[in-house]
């Protein structure tokens, strides 16, 4: 029921995905009468792999987190996440209020051992025609070094599971590549990641800058949610700007229109690569269940991509693989319950709890 367009998009995307993917079943959670009306429009009322689960409340896009958690216990969001907790569903996809989704998911599903805060992880395109995984993309605006450290571990586990890479490379987003650059949080996070790299637990590349995201310098880029969300929205805006500008230029005169006909194949390829809809769907990493967040403004095509990412994660048993990887990557932290970091200013020992 969430997002800017509600069931008009989510139901249509589910029907389209079910029609092309025989191995999926959907639990459509929300107002039964509204969902039935949408299914009737799509001539899918009798679809055998679409089941409606009624929910009497809706978390609005501007609802405070407290309202979603305490007052709307029969919201479509809460009921959908409960399906994952109970094992009725293997994954939940929502376009609703991001803060509410994170809070309700964390409350209902709980976090994995060793994880203080879940993070939103999604992919961005790069010039190597491979995905750059980036986190956090908006769940945690204010972070401490231990949080960014955990994001890196979770990102490494996810990419290892999805891409088959034993030790994917990790970059820490900064204002420069040099070790002296950045704020204290970034500097101390870099020390934690270097220590893991030296122990052979992670493949830490070092600091990376914004351009490295799209150059594919590393498999994973780690940052706090404020920086990540701004970067994501800016990249999506630039993608749309390039597409609109190219379209306007090719339509500006007959000669350009003729050129567009000859370059049709190349333009379609560029459009596929630059289209933000193709990268919709962020995983809420660190939870004991699969939850995927779609953009609230997503259209049917874009929402299908969020469903695709959830389907792929469930089909490839990503959750258990991440849990296994996390157990391997955090043994020292669990055993000692501390991470020792040399403070840059006075060489004193800074002890940060990691559990």
Protein backbone atom coordinates (compact mmCIF):
# COMPACT_ATOMS: atom_id res chain seq x y z
CA UNK A 1 0.00 0.00 0.00
CA UNK A 2 3.04 2.29 0.34
CA UNK A 3 4.92 4.56 -2.01
CA UNK A 4 3.71 7.51 -4.03
CA UNK A 5 1.38 5.40 -6.17
CA UNK A 6 0.36 2.50 -3.92
CA UNK A 7 -1.35 -0.61 -5.37
CA UNK A 8 -1.62 0.92 -8.84
CA UNK A 9 2.11 0.26 -9.15
CA UNK A 10 2.83 -2.54 -6.68
CA UNK A 11 0.01 -4.85 -7.80
CA UNK A 12 0.69 -4.22 -11.49
CA UNK A 13 4.38 -5.00 -10.99
CA UNK A 14 3.59 -8.18 -9.07
CA UNK A 15 1.23 -9.40 -11.79
CA UNK A 16 3.78 -8.68 -14.53
CA UNK A 17 6.56 -10.42 -12.60
CA UNK A 18 4.39 -13.45 -11.83
CA UNK A 19 3.45 -13.77 -15.50
CA UNK A 20 7.10 -14.04 -16.57
CA UNK A 21 8.51 -15.92 -13.57
CA UNK A 22 6.82 -19.28 -12.87
CA UNK A 23 8.77 -19.92 -9.65
CA UNK A 24 7.38 -16.96 -7.69
CA UNK A 25 4.33 -16.64 -5.47
CA UNK A 26 3.06 -13.32 -4.12
CA UNK A 27 1.33 -12.38 -0.91
CA UNK A 28 -0.26 -9.01 -1.68
CA UNK A 29 -0.66 -7.30 1.69
CA UNK A 30 -3.08 -4.42 2.15
CA UNK A 31 -6.70 -3.40 1.74
CA UNK A 32 -8.38 -6.45 0.24
CA UNK A 33 -11.01 -4.47 -1.65
CA UNK A 34 -8.47 -2.10 -3.22
CA UNK A 35 -6.14 -4.93 -4.23
CA UNK A 36 -9.02 -6.92 -5.71
CA UNK A 37 -10.04 -3.88 -7.75
CA UNK A 38 -6.50 -3.56 -9.12
CA UNK A 39 -6.35 -7.27 -9.97
CA UNK A 40 -9.69 -6.99 -11.75
CA UNK A 41 -8.34 -4.13 -13.89
CA UNK A 42 -5.41 -6.34 -14.85
CA UNK A 43 -7.61 -9.41 -15.52
CA UNK A 44 -5.66 -11.27 -12.84
CA UNK A 45 -8.32 -11.94 -10.21
CA UNK A 46 -8.04 -15.69 -10.70
CA UNK A 47 -4.24 -15.83 -10.79
CA UNK A 48 -3.22 -18.92 -8.80
CA UNK A 49 0.08 -17.48 -7.53
CA UNK A 50 -1.32 -14.22 -6.20
CA UNK A 51 -2.87 -14.30 -2.72
CA UNK A 52 -4.29 -11.34 -0.81
CA UNK A 53 -3.61 -10.84 2.89
CA UNK A 54 -5.85 -8.14 4.32
CA UNK A 55 -4.41 -5.31 6.42
CA UNK A 56 -6.63 -2.58 7.81
CA UNK A 57 -4.05 0.20 8.21
CA UNK A 58 -1.48 1.99 6.04
CA UNK A 59 1.78 3.65 7.08
CA UNK A 60 1.71 6.98 5.27
CA UNK A 61 4.86 8.45 3.76
CA UNK A 62 4.91 11.25 6.34
CA UNK A 63 4.00 9.14 9.39
CA UNK A 64 6.45 9.41 12.30
CA UNK A 65 8.27 6.19 13.19
CA UNK A 66 6.43 6.03 16.53
CA UNK A 67 3.08 5.90 14.73
CA UNK A 68 4.24 3.05 12.49
CA UNK A 69 5.62 1.08 15.43
CA UNK A 70 3.10 1.63 18.19
CA UNK A 71 -0.20 2.73 16.69
CA UNK A 72 -0.48 0.98 13.33
CA UNK A 73 0.10 -2.64 14.27
CA UNK A 74 -2.17 -3.87 11.47
CA UNK A 75 -0.51 -1.79 8.76
CA UNK A 76 0.30 -3.45 5.44
CA UNK A 77 3.99 -2.86 6.21
CA UNK A 78 3.85 -4.55 9.62
CA UNK A 79 1.74 -7.46 8.39
CA UNK A 80 4.05 -8.02 5.40
CA UNK A 81 7.16 -8.11 7.58
CA UNK A 82 5.39 -10.51 9.93
CA UNK A 83 5.00 -12.89 6.98
CA UNK A 84 8.80 -13.01 6.74
CA UNK A 85 9.20 -13.54 10.48
CA UNK A 86 6.69 -16.41 10.45
CA UNK A 87 8.31 -18.02 7.41
CA UNK A 88 5.21 -17.60 5.25
CA UNK A 89 7.22 -15.36 2.92
CA UNK A 90 10.91 -15.50 2.10
CA UNK A 91 11.24 -11.78 1.39
CA UNK A 92 9.33 -8.53 1.75
CA UNK A 93 9.35 -5.68 -0.79
CA UNK A 94 8.02 -2.25 0.11
CA UNK A 95 7.98 1.22 -1.44
CA UNK A 96 6.76 2.76 1.80
CA UNK A 97 8.20 5.17 4.36
CA UNK A 98 11.91 4.29 4.62
CA UNK A 99 12.35 5.20 8.28
CA UNK A 100 9.23 3.28 9.25
CA UNK A 101 10.24 0.25 7.19
CA UNK A 102 13.64 0.13 8.84
CA UNK A 103 12.21 0.59 12.34
CA UNK A 104 9.42 -1.96 11.95
CA UNK A 105 11.75 -4.48 10.26
CA UNK A 106 14.30 -4.12 13.02
CA UNK A 107 11.65 -4.46 15.72
CA UNK A 108 9.93 -7.49 14.19
CA UNK A 109 12.86 -9.39 12.67
CA UNK A 110 15.72 -8.26 14.96
CA UNK A 111 19.31 -7.89 13.78
CA UNK A 112 21.90 -10.56 13.17
CA UNK A 113 24.44 -11.23 15.91
CA UNK A 114 27.19 -8.65 15.81
CA UNK A 115 25.12 -6.05 13.95
CA UNK A 116 24.15 -2.86 15.77
CA UNK A 117 22.38 -1.14 12.88
CA UNK A 118 20.99 -2.48 9.61
CA UNK A 119 22.07 -0.66 6.46
CA UNK A 120 20.49 -0.14 3.04
CA UNK A 121 22.63 -1.61 0.27
CA UNK A 122 21.98 -1.27 -3.44
CA UNK A 123 23.93 -1.26 -6.69
CA UNK A 124 25.09 1.44 -9.08
CA UNK A 125 26.45 0.95 -12.60
CA UNK A 126 30.11 1.37 -13.47
CA UNK A 127 32.18 1.58 -16.63
CA UNK A 128 33.33 -2.03 -16.23
CA UNK A 129 29.74 -3.19 -16.83
CA UNK A 130 29.71 -4.63 -13.34
CA UNK A 131 27.74 -3.52 -10.29
CA UNK A 132 29.20 -1.31 -7.58
CA UNK A 133 27.53 -2.19 -4.28
CA UNK A 134 27.09 0.82 -2.01
CA UNK A 135 25.97 1.15 1.61
CA UNK A 136 24.55 2.79 3.65
CA UNK A 137 22.09 4.58 1.38
CA UNK A 138 19.96 6.32 3.97
CA UNK A 139 19.13 4.17 6.98
CA UNK A 140 21.75 5.68 9.31
CA UNK A 141 22.47 9.39 8.98
CA UNK A 142 24.84 9.60 11.95
CA UNK A 143 27.38 6.79 12.26
CA UNK A 144 30.32 5.84 14.43
CA UNK A 145 33.38 3.94 13.14
CA UNK A 146 32.06 0.62 14.47
CA UNK A 147 28.89 1.06 12.37
CA UNK A 148 30.80 1.72 9.15
CA UNK A 149 33.03 -1.22 10.04
CA UNK A 150 29.97 -3.46 10.30
CA UNK A 151 28.59 -2.10 7.02
CA UNK A 152 31.82 -3.14 5.31
CA UNK A 153 31.58 -6.65 6.75
CA UNK A 154 27.92 -7.01 5.75
CA UNK A 155 28.63 -5.64 2.26
CA UNK A 156 31.49 -8.07 1.81
CA UNK A 157 29.29 -10.98 2.87
CA UNK A 158 26.50 -9.92 0.49
CA UNK A 159 28.74 -9.48 -2.55
CA UNK A 160 30.51 -12.74 -1.80
CA UNK A 161 27.15 -14.51 -1.77
CA UNK A 162 25.65 -12.84 -4.85
CA UNK A 163 28.72 -12.42 -7.05
CA UNK A 164 30.71 -15.47 -6.03
CA UNK A 165 33.77 -13.43 -5.01
CA UNK A 166 35.69 -14.82 -2.06
CA UNK A 167 36.99 -11.45 -0.88
CA UNK A 168 35.41 -8.54 -2.73
CA UNK A 169 37.29 -5.25 -2.62
CA UNK A 170 36.06 -2.55 -0.24
CA UNK A 171 36.49 1.19 -0.62
CA UNK A 172 35.76 3.78 2.07
CA UNK A 173 34.16 6.89 0.56
CA UNK A 174 36.19 9.97 1.41
CA UNK A 175 37.12 13.43 0.12
CA UNK A 176 40.50 12.12 -1.02
CA UNK A 177 42.53 8.95 -1.31
CA UNK A 178 45.20 10.01 1.18
CA UNK A 179 45.07 8.61 4.72
CA UNK A 180 45.19 12.12 6.22
CA UNK A 181 41.96 13.15 4.44
CA UNK A 182 38.47 12.97 5.94
CA UNK A 183 36.86 13.42 9.35
CA UNK A 184 37.64 11.43 12.47
CA UNK A 185 34.90 8.88 11.82
CA UNK A 186 36.28 8.01 8.40
CA UNK A 187 39.89 7.94 9.62
CA UNK A 188 39.10 5.61 12.51
CA UNK A 189 36.97 3.40 10.27
CA UNK A 190 39.91 3.11 7.87
CA UNK A 191 42.09 1.89 10.74
CA UNK A 192 39.57 -0.78 11.66
CA UNK A 193 39.35 -1.94 8.03
CA UNK A 194 43.14 -1.96 7.60
CA UNK A 195 43.44 -4.14 10.69
CA UNK A 196 40.94 -6.59 9.18
CA UNK A 197 42.83 -6.49 5.89
CA UNK A 198 46.11 -7.34 7.63
CA UNK A 199 44.43 -10.27 9.39
CA UNK A 200 43.12 -11.51 6.05
CA UNK A 201 39.47 -11.03 7.00
CA UNK A 202 38.58 -8.32 4.47
CA UNK A 203 39.98 -7.00 1.20
CA UNK A 204 40.26 -3.29 2.04
CA UNK A 205 41.37 -1.19 -0.94
CA UNK A 206 41.54 2.09 0.97
CA UNK A 207 39.88 5.45 0.56
CA UNK A 208 37.92 6.08 -2.64
CA UNK A 209 36.30 9.21 -4.05
CA UNK A 210 32.94 9.78 -5.72
CA UNK A 211 34.26 9.13 -9.23
CA UNK A 212 35.52 5.70 -8.15
CA UNK A 213 31.91 4.54 -7.68
CA UNK A 214 31.27 4.73 -11.42
CA UNK A 215 34.77 3.71 -12.47
CA UNK A 216 34.33 0.42 -10.64
CA UNK A 217 37.49 0.86 -8.59
CA UNK A 218 36.12 -1.39 -5.84
CA UNK A 219 33.29 -3.90 -5.57
CA UNK A 220 31.88 -2.17 -2.50
CA UNK A 221 31.77 1.47 -1.38
CA UNK A 222 31.07 2.17 2.29
CA UNK A 223 29.76 5.45 3.71
CA UNK A 224 27.23 6.78 6.20
CA UNK A 225 23.57 7.05 5.23
CA UNK A 226 23.59 10.83 4.78
CA UNK A 227 26.41 10.80 2.24
CA UNK A 228 25.11 7.63 0.59
CA UNK A 229 21.58 8.91 0.09
CA UNK A 230 22.76 12.25 -1.32
CA UNK A 231 25.12 10.42 -3.69
CA UNK A 232 22.39 8.03 -4.82
CA UNK A 233 19.84 10.77 -5.49
CA UNK A 234 22.42 12.90 -7.30
CA UNK A 235 23.44 9.95 -9.50
CA UNK A 236 19.83 9.14 -10.33
CA UNK A 237 19.12 12.78 -11.12
CA UNK A 238 22.15 12.94 -13.41
CA UNK A 239 21.02 9.79 -15.20
CA UNK A 240 17.61 11.30 -15.93
CA UNK A 241 19.20 14.61 -16.93
CA UNK A 242 21.49 12.91 -19.47
CA UNK A 243 18.57 10.96 -20.92
CA UNK A 244 16.36 14.05 -21.25
CA UNK A 245 19.19 16.12 -22.71
CA UNK A 246 20.06 13.48 -25.30
CA UNK A 247 16.41 13.04 -26.28
CA UNK A 248 15.92 16.79 -26.70
CA UNK A 249 19.12 17.13 -28.74
CA UNK A 250 18.20 14.35 -31.16
CA UNK A 251 14.71 15.81 -31.64
CA UNK A 252 15.97 19.35 -32.20
CA UNK A 253 16.26 19.14 -36.00
CA UNK A 254 15.75 16.63 -38.87
CA UNK A 255 19.47 15.93 -39.26
CA UNK A 256 19.82 15.00 -35.60
CA UNK A 257 16.69 12.85 -35.83
CA UNK A 258 18.27 10.98 -38.75
CA UNK A 259 21.40 10.49 -36.67
CA UNK A 260 19.29 9.09 -33.86
CA UNK A 261 17.89 6.45 -36.22
CA UNK A 262 21.38 5.29 -37.15
CA UNK A 263 22.49 5.38 -33.50
CA UNK A 264 19.35 3.67 -32.20
CA UNK A 265 21.16 0.59 -30.91
CA UNK A 266 23.81 2.60 -29.08
CA UNK A 267 21.21 4.94 -27.60
CA UNK A 268 19.18 2.01 -26.27
CA UNK A 269 22.31 0.60 -24.67
CA UNK A 270 23.11 3.95 -23.05
CA UNK A 271 19.53 4.26 -21.84
CA UNK A 272 19.62 0.82 -20.22
CA UNK A 273 22.88 1.61 -18.45
CA UNK A 274 21.88 5.09 -17.29
CA UNK A 275 18.25 4.36 -16.39
CA UNK A 276 17.93 4.57 -12.56
CA UNK A 277 14.91 2.25 -12.67
CA UNK A 278 17.20 -0.65 -13.54
CA UNK A 279 18.92 -0.31 -10.16
CA UNK A 280 15.87 0.04 -7.92
CA UNK A 281 15.64 -2.10 -4.83
CA UNK A 282 17.91 -1.83 -1.82
CA UNK A 283 18.47 -4.64 0.67
CA UNK A 284 18.13 -3.89 4.39
CA UNK A 285 21.27 -5.72 5.43
CA UNK A 286 21.80 -7.01 8.94
CA UNK A 287 18.27 -8.22 9.62
CA UNK A 288 17.22 -11.80 10.33
CA UNK A 289 15.03 -11.75 7.27
CA UNK A 290 15.06 -10.38 3.73
CA UNK A 291 13.51 -6.93 3.33
CA UNK A 292 13.93 -4.82 0.20
CA UNK A 293 13.18 -1.12 -0.15
CA UNK A 294 11.93 0.34 -3.41
CA UNK A 295 11.94 4.04 -4.17
CA UNK A 296 8.65 5.59 -3.16
CA UNK A 297 8.35 7.21 -6.61
CA UNK A 298 8.91 3.93 -8.46
CA UNK A 299 6.75 3.14 -11.47
CA UNK A 300 5.71 -0.38 -12.46
CA UNK A 301 8.93 -1.08 -14.39
CA UNK A 302 11.12 0.19 -11.57
CA UNK A 303 9.21 -1.72 -8.89
CA UNK A 304 9.64 -4.93 -10.88
CA UNK A 305 13.40 -4.52 -10.47
CA UNK A 306 12.99 -4.28 -6.69
CA UNK A 307 10.98 -7.51 -6.81
CA UNK A 308 13.67 -9.10 -8.98
CA UNK A 309 16.38 -8.33 -6.42
CA UNK A 310 14.29 -9.80 -3.59
CA UNK A 311 13.50 -12.88 -5.69
CA UNK A 312 17.16 -13.44 -6.55
CA UNK A 313 18.19 -13.07 -2.91
CA UNK A 314 15.58 -15.56 -1.73
CA UNK A 315 16.28 -18.04 -4.52
CA UNK A 316 20.03 -17.97 -3.83
CA UNK A 317 19.55 -18.34 -0.06
CA UNK A 318 21.45 -15.13 0.50
CA UNK A 319 20.32 -14.72 4.11
CA UNK A 320 21.93 -17.91 5.43
CA UNK A 321 25.03 -17.30 3.32
CA UNK A 322 25.42 -13.82 4.78
CA UNK A 323 24.96 -15.18 8.30
CA UNK A 324 27.66 -17.78 7.64
CA UNK A 325 30.02 -15.17 6.21
CA UNK A 326 29.36 -12.82 9.12
CA UNK A 327 30.31 -15.56 11.57
CA UNK A 328 33.60 -16.04 9.72
CA UNK A 329 34.34 -12.34 9.38
CA UNK A 330 33.65 -11.31 12.97
CA UNK A 331 35.21 -14.02 15.15
CA UNK A 332 37.80 -11.73 16.72
CA UNK A 333 35.26 -9.02 17.47
CA UNK A 334 32.95 -11.54 19.11
CA UNK A 335 35.76 -13.11 21.11
CA UNK A 336 37.36 -9.92 22.39
CA UNK A 337 34.25 -7.67 22.26
CA UNK A 338 36.53 -4.72 21.44
CA UNK A 339 38.38 -3.26 18.47
CA UNK A 340 41.59 -1.45 19.25
CA UNK A 341 42.29 1.63 17.19
CA UNK A 342 45.29 3.91 17.51
CA UNK A 343 44.03 7.47 17.90
CA UNK A 344 45.64 9.71 15.24
CA UNK A 345 46.33 12.70 17.47
CA UNK A 346 48.09 11.42 20.57
CA UNK A 347 48.71 7.70 19.90
CA UNK A 348 46.47 6.78 22.83
CA UNK A 349 44.46 3.60 22.57
CA UNK A 350 40.81 4.10 21.69
CA UNK A 351 38.66 1.12 22.64
CA UNK A 352 35.35 0.77 20.81
CA UNK A 353 32.83 -1.88 21.72
CA UNK A 354 31.66 -3.88 18.74
CA UNK A 355 29.02 -6.00 20.39
